[in-house]
Amino acid sequence: MKLTLTAFSFISFALFGCGEGPVDSPVSLFDGQSLSGWQGDTLDTWRVEDGMIVGGSLVETVPNNEFLVTDRSYENFIITLKIKLTGDEGFINSGVQFHSKRLTNPAYEMEGYQADWGGGYWASLYDESRRNLTLSAPDSTQVMKWVNLDDWNDYKVHAENGRIQLFINGHQTVDYTEEDKSISQSGLIGLQIHGGGKAQVAFKDIFIEELPQKE
């Protein structure tokens, strides 16, 4: 069969794309039975219960921030998960770290972006232990129509080439583009339970889809 140059170019593009490589299918970051692939305080803070990752306590005050962290770093990705935060004494807060790193002083902290979760911070984007401020947040009245208090919520983080989008229960809450080119767009993913409250957070159905890196 004789192909014209145009036809050959079209077939090549269809087969090989535009040079950025294929998009990976979503994979699970939690096997539902163990904390394989994660690192953190598994003695006092993090455990597996009934197919969920659970952190914190409703009986004793969580003394400080604690993070359960992936073994490897990620750059461009879409992560989806279900989150349930409960507690009514002290500061009740959690979140999902990404493009982050462990700190050494104090060793329990992380530095990087956080898809925040809790009263006053629902589905907002916080810069943890770096700029220490909320980078973008939804309308406080509107977001409360979307949040299921003390129940399961679908959370999605789409991080790609410096643009970060957050979604809660199908509603977009953040669309933020990082202008500071010195801020790393790669790093670890971490699940947080915030210190200072009798609080418990549960995560399940954690899936990540890695996206092509920007050339």
N, C-alpha and C. Protein backbone atom coordinates (compact mmCIF):
# COMPACT_ATOMS: atom_id res chain seq x y z
N MET A 1 0.85 -1.19 0.00
CA MET A 1 0.00 0.00 0.00
C MET A 1 0.88 1.24 0.00
N LYS A 2 0.56 2.19 -0.84
CA LYS A 2 1.34 3.41 -0.95
C LYS A 2 0.69 4.52 -0.12
N LEU A 3 1.47 5.11 0.77
CA LEU A 3 0.96 6.17 1.63
C LEU A 3 1.51 7.51 1.19
N THR A 4 0.65 8.51 1.20
CA THR A 4 1.14 9.87 0.97
C THR A 4 1.81 10.36 2.23
N LEU A 5 2.59 11.43 2.11
CA LEU A 5 3.28 11.99 3.27
C LEU A 5 2.28 12.45 4.31
N THR A 6 1.16 13.04 3.86
CA THR A 6 0.14 13.52 4.80
C THR A 6 -0.47 12.36 5.57
N ALA A 7 -0.79 11.27 4.84
CA ALA A 7 -1.38 10.11 5.51
C ALA A 7 -0.42 9.49 6.49
N PHE A 8 0.87 9.39 6.12
CA PHE A 8 1.87 8.83 7.02
C PHE A 8 2.02 9.68 8.27
N SER A 9 1.98 11.01 8.11
CA SER A 9 2.11 11.91 9.26
C SER A 9 0.94 11.75 10.20
N PHE A 10 -0.27 11.58 9.63
CA PHE A 10 -1.46 11.41 10.48
C PHE A 10 -1.40 10.13 11.27
N ILE A 11 -0.98 9.04 10.61
CA ILE A 11 -0.88 7.76 11.30
C ILE A 11 0.18 7.82 12.39
N SER A 12 1.31 8.44 12.09
CA SER A 12 2.38 8.56 13.09
C SER A 12 1.91 9.33 14.30
N PHE A 13 1.14 10.42 14.08
CA PHE A 13 0.63 11.21 15.21
C PHE A 13 -0.36 10.40 16.04
N ALA A 14 -1.23 9.65 15.34
CA ALA A 14 -2.23 8.85 16.05
C ALA A 14 -1.58 7.78 16.90
N LEU A 15 -0.48 7.17 16.38
CA LEU A 15 0.17 6.09 17.11
C LEU A 15 1.07 6.59 18.23
N PHE A 16 1.77 7.68 17.99
CA PHE A 16 2.81 8.10 18.91
C PHE A 16 2.53 9.43 19.60
N GLY A 17 1.41 10.09 19.24
CA GLY A 17 1.07 11.34 19.90
C GLY A 17 1.99 12.46 19.49
N CYS A 18 2.13 13.44 20.37
CA CYS A 18 2.91 14.63 20.03
C CYS A 18 4.23 14.66 20.78
N GLY A 19 4.72 13.51 21.20
CA GLY A 19 6.04 13.44 21.81
C GLY A 19 6.06 13.54 23.31
N GLU A 20 4.89 13.66 23.94
CA GLU A 20 4.84 13.79 25.39
C GLU A 20 4.71 12.45 26.10
N GLY A 21 4.49 11.38 25.36
CA GLY A 21 4.36 10.06 25.97
C GLY A 21 2.94 9.76 26.37
N PRO A 22 2.62 8.51 26.59
CA PRO A 22 1.24 8.11 26.91
C PRO A 22 0.84 8.49 28.32
N VAL A 23 -0.46 8.66 28.51
CA VAL A 23 -1.00 8.90 29.85
C VAL A 23 -1.23 7.54 30.52
N ASP A 24 -0.76 7.40 31.74
CA ASP A 24 -0.93 6.14 32.47
C ASP A 24 -2.37 6.01 32.96
N SER A 25 -2.85 4.78 33.03
CA SER A 25 -4.16 4.53 33.60
C SER A 25 -4.09 4.72 35.11
N PRO A 26 -5.20 5.09 35.75
CA PRO A 26 -5.19 5.26 37.21
C PRO A 26 -4.79 3.97 37.91
N VAL A 27 -3.98 4.11 38.96
CA VAL A 27 -3.57 2.97 39.76
C VAL A 27 -3.89 3.28 41.22
N SER A 28 -4.13 2.24 41.99
CA SER A 28 -4.46 2.41 43.40
C SER A 28 -3.19 2.63 44.22
N LEU A 29 -3.26 3.58 45.15
CA LEU A 29 -2.15 3.83 46.07
C LEU A 29 -2.37 3.13 47.42
N PHE A 30 -3.48 2.43 47.55
CA PHE A 30 -3.81 1.78 48.82
C PHE A 30 -4.48 0.45 48.52
N ASP A 31 -3.90 -0.63 49.04
CA ASP A 31 -4.41 -1.96 48.73
C ASP A 31 -5.60 -2.37 49.61
N GLY A 32 -6.00 -1.50 50.54
CA GLY A 32 -7.15 -1.78 51.39
C GLY A 32 -6.86 -2.65 52.59
N GLN A 33 -5.61 -3.14 52.69
CA GLN A 33 -5.28 -4.07 53.76
C GLN A 33 -4.02 -3.69 54.54
N SER A 34 -3.12 -2.96 53.92
CA SER A 34 -1.85 -2.63 54.57
C SER A 34 -1.43 -1.22 54.18
N LEU A 35 -0.35 -0.76 54.81
CA LEU A 35 0.21 0.55 54.49
C LEU A 35 1.45 0.40 53.62
N SER A 36 1.48 -0.65 52.82
CA SER A 36 2.56 -0.86 51.88
C SER A 36 2.62 0.31 50.90
N GLY A 37 3.82 0.85 50.71
CA GLY A 37 3.99 2.00 49.82
C GLY A 37 3.89 3.33 50.53
N TRP A 38 3.65 3.30 51.85
CA TRP A 38 3.49 4.53 52.64
C TRP A 38 4.45 4.50 53.83
N GLN A 39 4.83 5.69 54.30
CA GLN A 39 5.70 5.81 55.46
C GLN A 39 5.12 6.85 56.42
N GLY A 40 5.20 6.54 57.71
CA GLY A 40 4.71 7.48 58.72
C GLY A 40 4.65 6.82 60.08
N ASP A 41 4.05 7.51 61.04
CA ASP A 41 3.92 6.98 62.40
C ASP A 41 2.79 5.96 62.44
N THR A 42 3.15 4.70 62.22
CA THR A 42 2.15 3.63 62.22
C THR A 42 1.98 2.99 63.60
N LEU A 43 2.66 3.52 64.59
CA LEU A 43 2.50 3.02 65.96
C LEU A 43 1.38 3.74 66.70
N ASP A 44 1.35 5.07 66.59
CA ASP A 44 0.39 5.85 67.36
C ASP A 44 -0.63 6.62 66.53
N THR A 45 -0.36 6.83 65.23
CA THR A 45 -1.21 7.74 64.45
C THR A 45 -1.97 7.07 63.32
N TRP A 46 -1.28 6.30 62.48
CA TRP A 46 -1.88 5.77 61.27
C TRP A 46 -2.09 4.27 61.34
N ARG A 47 -3.22 3.81 60.85
CA ARG A 47 -3.53 2.38 60.84
C ARG A 47 -4.54 2.09 59.72
N VAL A 48 -4.77 0.82 59.49
CA VAL A 48 -5.77 0.37 58.53
C VAL A 48 -6.94 -0.22 59.29
N GLU A 49 -8.14 0.27 59.00
CA GLU A 49 -9.36 -0.23 59.65
C GLU A 49 -10.45 -0.41 58.59
N ASP A 50 -10.96 -1.62 58.46
CA ASP A 50 -12.11 -1.89 57.58
C ASP A 50 -11.91 -1.33 56.18
N GLY A 51 -10.72 -1.55 55.62
CA GLY A 51 -10.45 -1.11 54.26
C GLY A 51 -10.21 0.38 54.11
N MET A 52 -9.89 1.05 55.22
CA MET A 52 -9.63 2.49 55.19
C MET A 52 -8.27 2.78 55.83
N ILE A 53 -7.64 3.88 55.40
CA ILE A 53 -6.50 4.43 56.12
C ILE A 53 -7.06 5.42 57.13
N VAL A 54 -6.75 5.23 58.40
CA VAL A 54 -7.30 6.07 59.46
C VAL A 54 -6.15 6.70 60.24
N GLY A 55 -6.30 8.00 60.54
CA GLY A 55 -5.30 8.71 61.32
C GLY A 55 -5.93 9.55 62.41
N GLY A 56 -5.22 9.70 63.53
CA GLY A 56 -5.69 10.54 64.61
C GLY A 56 -6.50 9.78 65.65
N SER A 57 -7.19 10.53 66.51
CA SER A 57 -7.92 9.94 67.62
C SER A 57 -9.06 10.84 68.05
N LEU A 58 -10.20 10.24 68.40
CA LEU A 58 -11.32 10.99 68.96
C LEU A 58 -11.31 10.96 70.48
N VAL A 59 -10.33 10.24 71.03
CA VAL A 59 -10.23 10.09 72.49
C VAL A 59 -9.15 11.00 73.07
N GLU A 60 -8.01 11.05 72.40
CA GLU A 60 -6.89 11.86 72.85
C GLU A 60 -6.55 12.93 71.82
N THR A 61 -6.11 14.08 72.29
CA THR A 61 -5.72 15.17 71.39
C THR A 61 -4.50 14.78 70.57
N VAL A 62 -4.59 14.97 69.27
CA VAL A 62 -3.43 14.72 68.40
C VAL A 62 -2.37 15.78 68.74
N PRO A 63 -1.18 15.38 69.17
CA PRO A 63 -0.21 16.34 69.70
C PRO A 63 0.38 17.28 68.65
N ASN A 64 0.57 16.80 67.44
CA ASN A 64 1.14 17.63 66.38
C ASN A 64 0.72 17.09 65.02
N ASN A 65 1.02 17.84 63.97
CA ASN A 65 0.72 17.36 62.63
C ASN A 65 1.41 16.03 62.38
N GLU A 66 0.71 15.13 61.71
CA GLU A 66 1.31 13.86 61.31
C GLU A 66 0.93 13.58 59.87
N PHE A 67 1.89 13.03 59.11
CA PHE A 67 1.68 12.76 57.69
C PHE A 67 2.05 11.31 57.37
N LEU A 68 1.20 10.68 56.60
CA LEU A 68 1.50 9.38 56.03
C LEU A 68 1.88 9.64 54.57
N VAL A 69 3.11 9.26 54.19
CA VAL A 69 3.72 9.77 52.96
C VAL A 69 4.06 8.64 52.00
N THR A 70 3.86 8.89 50.71
CA THR A 70 4.20 7.91 49.68
C THR A 70 5.71 7.65 49.64
N ASP A 71 6.07 6.46 49.17
CA ASP A 71 7.48 6.09 49.04
C ASP A 71 8.19 6.85 47.93
N ARG A 72 7.44 7.37 46.96
CA ARG A 72 8.05 8.00 45.80
C ARG A 72 7.39 9.33 45.48
N SER A 73 8.06 10.09 44.62
CA SER A 73 7.57 11.41 44.23
C SER A 73 6.72 11.32 42.96
N TYR A 74 5.90 12.35 42.77
CA TYR A 74 5.04 12.46 41.59
C TYR A 74 5.11 13.89 41.07
N GLU A 75 4.96 14.03 39.74
CA GLU A 75 5.02 15.35 39.13
C GLU A 75 3.63 15.77 38.64
N ASN A 76 3.28 15.45 37.42
CA ASN A 76 1.95 15.76 36.89
C ASN A 76 1.02 14.58 37.14
N PHE A 77 -0.16 14.86 37.69
CA PHE A 77 -1.04 13.75 38.04
C PHE A 77 -2.46 14.23 38.32
N ILE A 78 -3.37 13.28 38.35
CA ILE A 78 -4.71 13.47 38.90
C ILE A 78 -4.88 12.42 39.99
N ILE A 79 -5.16 12.86 41.20
CA ILE A 79 -5.40 11.93 42.29
C ILE A 79 -6.83 12.10 42.76
N THR A 80 -7.51 10.98 42.96
CA THR A 80 -8.87 11.00 43.49
C THR A 80 -8.92 10.13 44.73
N LEU A 81 -9.73 10.51 45.68
CA LEU A 81 -9.86 9.75 46.92
C LEU A 81 -11.15 10.14 47.62
N LYS A 82 -11.50 9.36 48.61
CA LYS A 82 -12.62 9.69 49.49
C LYS A 82 -12.05 10.03 50.86
N ILE A 83 -12.60 11.07 51.47
CA ILE A 83 -12.11 11.55 52.76
C ILE A 83 -13.28 11.79 53.70
N LYS A 84 -13.08 11.41 54.97
CA LYS A 84 -14.09 11.68 56.01
C LYS A 84 -13.36 12.17 57.26
N LEU A 85 -13.71 13.37 57.71
CA LEU A 85 -13.09 13.99 58.88
C LEU A 85 -14.12 14.14 59.97
N THR A 86 -13.79 13.66 61.17
CA THR A 86 -14.70 13.76 62.31
C THR A 86 -13.97 14.29 63.53
N GLY A 87 -14.74 14.84 64.45
CA GLY A 87 -14.18 15.39 65.69
C GLY A 87 -14.90 16.67 66.06
N ASP A 88 -14.95 16.98 67.35
CA ASP A 88 -15.65 18.19 67.78
C ASP A 88 -14.96 18.90 68.94
N GLU A 89 -13.68 18.58 69.15
CA GLU A 89 -12.95 19.25 70.23
C GLU A 89 -11.58 19.67 69.73
N GLY A 90 -11.30 20.97 69.78
CA GLY A 90 -10.02 21.49 69.31
C GLY A 90 -10.04 21.78 67.83
N PHE A 91 -8.85 21.84 67.22
CA PHE A 91 -8.73 22.17 65.81
C PHE A 91 -8.91 20.89 64.98
N ILE A 92 -9.98 20.83 64.21
CA ILE A 92 -10.32 19.63 63.43
C ILE A 92 -9.96 19.90 61.98
N ASN A 93 -8.86 19.30 61.52
CA ASN A 93 -8.35 19.63 60.19
C ASN A 93 -7.53 18.48 59.63
N SER A 94 -7.56 18.37 58.31
CA SER A 94 -6.78 17.37 57.60
C SER A 94 -6.42 17.93 56.22
N GLY A 95 -5.90 17.08 55.36
CA GLY A 95 -5.58 17.51 54.02
C GLY A 95 -4.72 16.50 53.29
N VAL A 96 -4.44 16.83 52.03
CA VAL A 96 -3.61 15.98 51.18
C VAL A 96 -2.43 16.82 50.68
N GLN A 97 -1.24 16.45 51.12
CA GLN A 97 -0.03 17.11 50.65
C GLN A 97 0.35 16.58 49.27
N PHE A 98 0.97 17.45 48.46
CA PHE A 98 1.52 17.00 47.18
C PHE A 98 2.61 17.97 46.75
N HIS A 99 3.47 17.51 45.84
CA HIS A 99 4.66 18.28 45.46
C HIS A 99 5.38 18.74 46.73
N SER A 100 5.51 17.82 47.66
CA SER A 100 6.00 18.15 49.00
C SER A 100 7.23 17.34 49.36
N LYS A 101 7.86 17.74 50.48
CA LYS A 101 9.01 17.01 51.00
C LYS A 101 8.93 16.96 52.52
N ARG A 102 9.55 15.94 53.08
CA ARG A 102 9.66 15.83 54.53
C ARG A 102 10.65 16.87 55.04
N LEU A 103 10.38 17.42 56.23
CA LEU A 103 11.31 18.31 56.89
C LEU A 103 12.06 17.53 57.98
N THR A 104 13.15 18.10 58.43
CA THR A 104 13.92 17.46 59.50
C THR A 104 13.76 18.18 60.83
N ASN A 105 13.32 19.42 60.79
CA ASN A 105 13.18 20.19 62.03
C ASN A 105 11.90 21.04 61.97
N PRO A 106 10.77 20.52 62.47
CA PRO A 106 10.59 19.21 63.11
C PRO A 106 10.40 18.10 62.07
N ALA A 107 10.75 16.91 62.45
CA ALA A 107 10.75 15.77 61.52
C ALA A 107 9.35 15.34 61.12
N TYR A 108 8.33 15.69 61.91
CA TYR A 108 6.98 15.26 61.59
C TYR A 108 6.30 16.17 60.56
N GLU A 109 6.92 17.30 60.20
CA GLU A 109 6.28 18.25 59.29
C GLU A 109 6.63 17.97 57.83
N MET A 110 5.82 18.55 56.93
CA MET A 110 6.08 18.53 55.49
C MET A 110 6.00 19.95 54.94
N GLU A 111 6.69 20.15 53.83
CA GLU A 111 6.67 21.44 53.14
C GLU A 111 6.13 21.25 51.73
N GLY A 112 5.14 22.05 51.36
CA GLY A 112 4.60 21.96 50.02
C GLY A 112 3.13 22.31 49.98
N TYR A 113 2.52 22.04 48.84
CA TYR A 113 1.10 22.33 48.67
C TYR A 113 0.25 21.37 49.50
N GLN A 114 -0.89 21.88 49.98
CA GLN A 114 -1.86 21.03 50.65
C GLN A 114 -3.27 21.33 50.15
N ALA A 115 -3.94 20.28 49.68
CA ALA A 115 -5.38 20.37 49.43
C ALA A 115 -6.03 20.26 50.80
N ASP A 116 -6.43 21.38 51.34
CA ASP A 116 -6.82 21.49 52.74
C ASP A 116 -8.23 20.95 52.97
N TRP A 117 -8.50 20.60 54.25
CA TRP A 117 -9.80 20.01 54.59
C TRP A 117 -10.12 20.26 56.05
N GLY A 118 -11.19 21.01 56.32
CA GLY A 118 -11.60 21.30 57.68
C GLY A 118 -12.28 22.65 57.76
N GLY A 119 -12.91 22.94 58.88
CA GLY A 119 -13.64 24.18 59.06
C GLY A 119 -12.81 25.41 58.73
N GLY A 120 -13.31 26.26 57.85
CA GLY A 120 -12.60 27.46 57.43
C GLY A 120 -11.59 27.23 56.32
N TYR A 121 -11.34 25.97 56.00
CA TYR A 121 -10.35 25.64 54.98
C TYR A 121 -10.87 24.63 53.95
N TRP A 122 -12.17 24.38 53.94
CA TRP A 122 -12.72 23.34 53.10
C TRP A 122 -12.29 23.49 51.64
N ALA A 123 -11.60 22.45 51.12
CA ALA A 123 -11.25 22.35 49.69
C ALA A 123 -10.50 23.57 49.18
N SER A 124 -9.66 24.16 50.04
CA SER A 124 -8.81 25.27 49.63
C SER A 124 -7.38 24.77 49.43
N LEU A 125 -6.53 25.63 48.87
CA LEU A 125 -5.14 25.28 48.61
C LEU A 125 -4.24 26.06 49.56
N TYR A 126 -3.52 25.33 50.41
CA TYR A 126 -2.65 25.94 51.42
C TYR A 126 -1.19 25.61 51.11
N ASP A 127 -0.30 26.53 51.44
CA ASP A 127 1.14 26.30 51.26
C ASP A 127 1.74 26.00 52.62
N GLU A 128 1.93 24.70 52.88
CA GLU A 128 2.32 24.20 54.21
C GLU A 128 3.81 24.41 54.48
N SER A 129 4.12 25.03 55.63
CA SER A 129 5.50 25.17 56.13
C SER A 129 6.44 25.81 55.12
N ARG A 130 5.89 26.65 54.23
CA ARG A 130 6.72 27.36 53.25
C ARG A 130 6.29 28.82 53.24
N ARG A 131 5.24 29.16 52.52
CA ARG A 131 4.70 30.51 52.59
C ARG A 131 3.67 30.64 53.71
N ASN A 132 3.17 29.50 54.18
CA ASN A 132 2.24 29.45 55.32
C ASN A 132 1.03 30.35 55.10
N LEU A 133 0.39 30.18 53.97
CA LEU A 133 -0.81 30.94 53.68
C LEU A 133 -1.70 30.17 52.70
N THR A 134 -2.97 30.56 52.69
CA THR A 134 -3.91 29.98 51.74
C THR A 134 -3.72 30.64 50.39
N LEU A 135 -3.39 29.85 49.39
CA LEU A 135 -3.11 30.38 48.06
C LEU A 135 -4.38 30.63 47.27
N SER A 136 -5.39 29.83 47.50
CA SER A 136 -6.66 29.99 46.80
C SER A 136 -7.73 29.26 47.59
N ALA A 137 -8.93 29.84 47.64
CA ALA A 137 -10.01 29.24 48.41
C ALA A 137 -11.35 29.52 47.74
N PRO A 138 -12.30 28.60 47.89
CA PRO A 138 -13.64 28.82 47.33
C PRO A 138 -14.44 29.77 48.20
N ASP A 139 -15.57 30.22 47.68
CA ASP A 139 -16.50 31.01 48.46
C ASP A 139 -16.97 30.18 49.66
N SER A 140 -16.86 30.74 50.84
CA SER A 140 -17.12 29.98 52.07
C SER A 140 -18.57 29.53 52.19
N THR A 141 -19.50 30.33 51.68
CA THR A 141 -20.91 29.95 51.74
C THR A 141 -21.23 28.87 50.72
N GLN A 142 -20.69 29.03 49.52
CA GLN A 142 -20.97 28.07 48.46
C GLN A 142 -20.40 26.70 48.76
N VAL A 143 -19.17 26.65 49.28
CA VAL A 143 -18.52 25.36 49.49
C VAL A 143 -19.25 24.53 50.54
N MET A 144 -19.89 25.19 51.50
CA MET A 144 -20.61 24.44 52.52
C MET A 144 -21.85 23.73 51.97
N LYS A 145 -22.31 24.13 50.79
CA LYS A 145 -23.41 23.42 50.14
C LYS A 145 -22.93 22.13 49.49
N TRP A 146 -21.61 22.02 49.31
CA TRP A 146 -21.02 20.87 48.63
C TRP A 146 -20.40 19.86 49.59
N VAL A 147 -20.04 20.30 50.80
CA VAL A 147 -19.33 19.44 51.76
C VAL A 147 -20.31 18.59 52.55
N ASN A 148 -19.97 17.31 52.68
CA ASN A 148 -20.73 16.40 53.55
C ASN A 148 -20.03 16.34 54.91
N LEU A 149 -20.54 17.07 55.87
CA LEU A 149 -19.91 17.11 57.19
C LEU A 149 -19.99 15.75 57.86
N ASP A 150 -18.87 15.35 58.47
CA ASP A 150 -18.79 14.08 59.23
C ASP A 150 -19.14 12.87 58.37
N ASP A 151 -18.96 12.99 57.06
CA ASP A 151 -19.30 11.90 56.16
C ASP A 151 -18.28 11.87 55.02
N TRP A 152 -18.46 10.92 54.10
CA TRP A 152 -17.52 10.77 53.00
C TRP A 152 -17.69 11.85 51.95
N ASN A 153 -16.55 12.29 51.42
CA ASN A 153 -16.50 13.28 50.35
C ASN A 153 -15.52 12.82 49.29
N ASP A 154 -15.85 13.08 48.03
CA ASP A 154 -14.95 12.79 46.93
C ASP A 154 -14.06 14.00 46.69
N TYR A 155 -12.75 13.78 46.80
CA TYR A 155 -11.77 14.87 46.63
C TYR A 155 -10.90 14.54 45.42
N LYS A 156 -10.65 15.55 44.56
CA LYS A 156 -9.78 15.36 43.41
C LYS A 156 -8.77 16.49 43.32
N VAL A 157 -7.51 16.12 43.07
CA VAL A 157 -6.43 17.09 42.85
C VAL A 157 -5.87 16.84 41.46
N HIS A 158 -5.89 17.88 40.63
CA HIS A 158 -5.30 17.82 39.29
C HIS A 158 -4.14 18.80 39.26
N ALA A 159 -2.92 18.27 39.23
CA ALA A 159 -1.70 19.10 39.23
C ALA A 159 -0.94 18.83 37.94
N GLU A 160 -0.80 19.88 37.13
CA GLU A 160 -0.17 19.68 35.82
C GLU A 160 0.55 20.95 35.38
N ASN A 161 1.87 20.86 35.29
CA ASN A 161 2.69 21.94 34.76
C ASN A 161 2.45 23.27 35.47
N GLY A 162 2.33 23.22 36.79
CA GLY A 162 2.19 24.44 37.58
C GLY A 162 0.76 24.90 37.79
N ARG A 163 -0.20 24.24 37.15
CA ARG A 163 -1.60 24.57 37.36
C ARG A 163 -2.22 23.53 38.29
N ILE A 164 -2.91 24.02 39.33
CA ILE A 164 -3.51 23.15 40.34
C ILE A 164 -5.00 23.40 40.40
N GLN A 165 -5.78 22.35 40.22
CA GLN A 165 -7.23 22.43 40.31
C GLN A 165 -7.72 21.44 41.37
N LEU A 166 -8.61 21.91 42.23
CA LEU A 166 -9.20 21.08 43.27
C LEU A 166 -10.70 20.95 43.04
N PHE A 167 -11.22 19.76 43.33
CA PHE A 167 -12.65 19.49 43.16
C PHE A 167 -13.15 18.73 44.39
N ILE A 168 -14.34 19.12 44.87
CA ILE A 168 -14.96 18.40 45.96
C ILE A 168 -16.36 17.98 45.53
N ASN A 169 -16.61 16.68 45.59
CA ASN A 169 -17.91 16.13 45.20
C ASN A 169 -18.36 16.63 43.84
N GLY A 170 -17.40 16.71 42.92
CA GLY A 170 -17.69 17.10 41.54
C GLY A 170 -17.69 18.58 41.28
N HIS A 171 -17.49 19.41 42.30
CA HIS A 171 -17.50 20.87 42.15
C HIS A 171 -16.08 21.42 42.24
N GLN A 172 -15.69 22.25 41.30
CA GLN A 172 -14.36 22.85 41.34
C GLN A 172 -14.31 23.95 42.38
N THR A 173 -13.29 23.90 43.22
CA THR A 173 -13.13 24.90 44.29
C THR A 173 -11.90 25.78 44.10
N VAL A 174 -10.90 25.27 43.37
CA VAL A 174 -9.64 26.01 43.18
C VAL A 174 -9.16 25.82 41.76
N ASP A 175 -8.67 26.91 41.16
CA ASP A 175 -7.95 26.86 39.89
C ASP A 175 -6.80 27.85 40.03
N TYR A 176 -5.63 27.33 40.37
CA TYR A 176 -4.48 28.16 40.75
C TYR A 176 -3.28 27.83 39.85
N THR A 177 -2.61 28.86 39.37
CA THR A 177 -1.39 28.68 38.60
C THR A 177 -0.22 29.29 39.36
N GLU A 178 0.82 28.48 39.59
CA GLU A 178 1.99 28.93 40.33
C GLU A 178 2.85 29.83 39.45
N GLU A 179 3.04 31.06 39.90
CA GLU A 179 3.84 32.02 39.15
C GLU A 179 5.31 32.00 39.57
N ASP A 180 5.59 31.47 40.75
CA ASP A 180 6.96 31.42 41.25
C ASP A 180 7.66 30.18 40.68
N LYS A 181 8.54 30.38 39.73
CA LYS A 181 9.20 29.27 39.04
C LYS A 181 10.18 28.52 39.93
N SER A 182 10.49 29.07 41.10
CA SER A 182 11.40 28.38 42.02
C SER A 182 10.68 27.32 42.86
N ILE A 183 9.34 27.34 42.84
CA ILE A 183 8.56 26.38 43.61
C ILE A 183 8.51 25.05 42.86
N SER A 184 8.93 23.99 43.51
CA SER A 184 8.99 22.68 42.87
C SER A 184 7.60 22.17 42.49
N GLN A 185 7.51 21.61 41.29
CA GLN A 185 6.28 21.01 40.81
C GLN A 185 6.40 19.48 40.79
N SER A 186 7.14 18.97 41.74
CA SER A 186 7.30 17.54 41.90
C SER A 186 7.55 17.26 43.38
N GLY A 187 7.13 16.09 43.84
CA GLY A 187 7.39 15.75 45.23
C GLY A 187 6.50 14.64 45.74
N LEU A 188 6.57 14.42 47.03
CA LEU A 188 5.82 13.36 47.69
C LEU A 188 4.35 13.74 47.87
N ILE A 189 3.53 12.73 48.03
CA ILE A 189 2.13 12.90 48.40
C ILE A 189 1.97 12.44 49.85
N GLY A 190 1.23 13.20 50.64
CA GLY A 190 1.06 12.84 52.04
C GLY A 190 -0.38 13.05 52.51
N LEU A 191 -0.83 12.18 53.38
CA LEU A 191 -2.13 12.32 54.03
C LEU A 191 -1.90 12.91 55.41
N GLN A 192 -2.66 13.95 55.77
CA GLN A 192 -2.41 14.66 57.02
C GLN A 192 -3.56 14.51 58.02
N ILE A 193 -3.18 14.44 59.30
CA ILE A 193 -4.09 14.75 60.39
C ILE A 193 -3.44 15.88 61.16
N HIS A 194 -4.16 16.96 61.36
CA HIS A 194 -3.60 18.15 62.00
C HIS A 194 -3.56 17.99 63.51
N GLY A 195 -2.55 18.54 64.13
CA GLY A 195 -2.43 18.52 65.57
C GLY A 195 -3.35 19.53 66.23
N GLY A 196 -3.62 19.33 67.52
CA GLY A 196 -4.36 20.31 68.29
C GLY A 196 -5.83 20.02 68.50
N GLY A 197 -6.27 18.83 68.11
CA GLY A 197 -7.67 18.51 68.31
C GLY A 197 -7.88 17.02 68.50
N LYS A 198 -9.03 16.68 69.07
CA LYS A 198 -9.44 15.28 69.10
C LYS A 198 -10.14 15.03 67.78
N ALA A 199 -9.36 14.58 66.81
CA ALA A 199 -9.84 14.48 65.44
C ALA A 199 -9.40 13.17 64.82
N GLN A 200 -10.22 12.69 63.90
CA GLN A 200 -9.89 11.47 63.17
C GLN A 200 -10.26 11.65 61.71
N VAL A 201 -9.35 11.23 60.85
CA VAL A 201 -9.60 11.30 59.41
C VAL A 201 -9.47 9.91 58.82
N ALA A 202 -10.30 9.62 57.83
CA ALA A 202 -10.26 8.34 57.13
C ALA A 202 -10.17 8.60 55.62
N PHE A 203 -9.38 7.77 54.94
CA PHE A 203 -9.23 7.85 53.49
C PHE A 203 -9.48 6.48 52.89
N LYS A 204 -10.05 6.45 51.71
CA LYS A 204 -10.21 5.20 50.97
C LYS A 204 -10.32 5.51 49.48
N ASP A 205 -10.28 4.45 48.67
CA ASP A 205 -10.40 4.58 47.20
C ASP A 205 -9.43 5.63 46.66
N ILE A 206 -8.14 5.44 46.98
CA ILE A 206 -7.11 6.40 46.59
C ILE A 206 -6.49 5.95 45.26
N PHE A 207 -6.72 6.72 44.21
CA PHE A 207 -6.20 6.39 42.88
C PHE A 207 -5.43 7.57 42.30
N ILE A 208 -4.36 7.26 41.58
CA ILE A 208 -3.57 8.30 40.92
C ILE A 208 -3.38 7.96 39.45
N GLU A 209 -3.52 8.97 38.62
CA GLU A 209 -3.28 8.86 37.18
C GLU A 209 -2.13 9.81 36.84
N GLU A 210 -0.99 9.26 36.49
CA GLU A 210 0.16 10.10 36.14
C GLU A 210 -0.01 10.64 34.73
N LEU A 211 0.31 11.92 34.57
CA LEU A 211 0.17 12.63 33.30
C LEU A 211 1.55 12.88 32.70
N PRO A 212 1.64 13.11 31.40
CA PRO A 212 2.95 13.37 30.77
C PRO A 212 3.63 14.59 31.36
N GLN A 213 4.95 14.53 31.44
CA GLN A 213 5.72 15.67 31.90
C GLN A 213 5.88 16.68 30.78
N LYS A 214 5.93 17.94 31.14
CA LYS A 214 6.12 19.00 30.17
C LYS A 214 7.53 18.96 29.63
N GLU A 215 7.67 19.01 28.32
CA GLU A 215 9.01 18.96 27.71
C GLU A 215 9.65 20.35 27.74
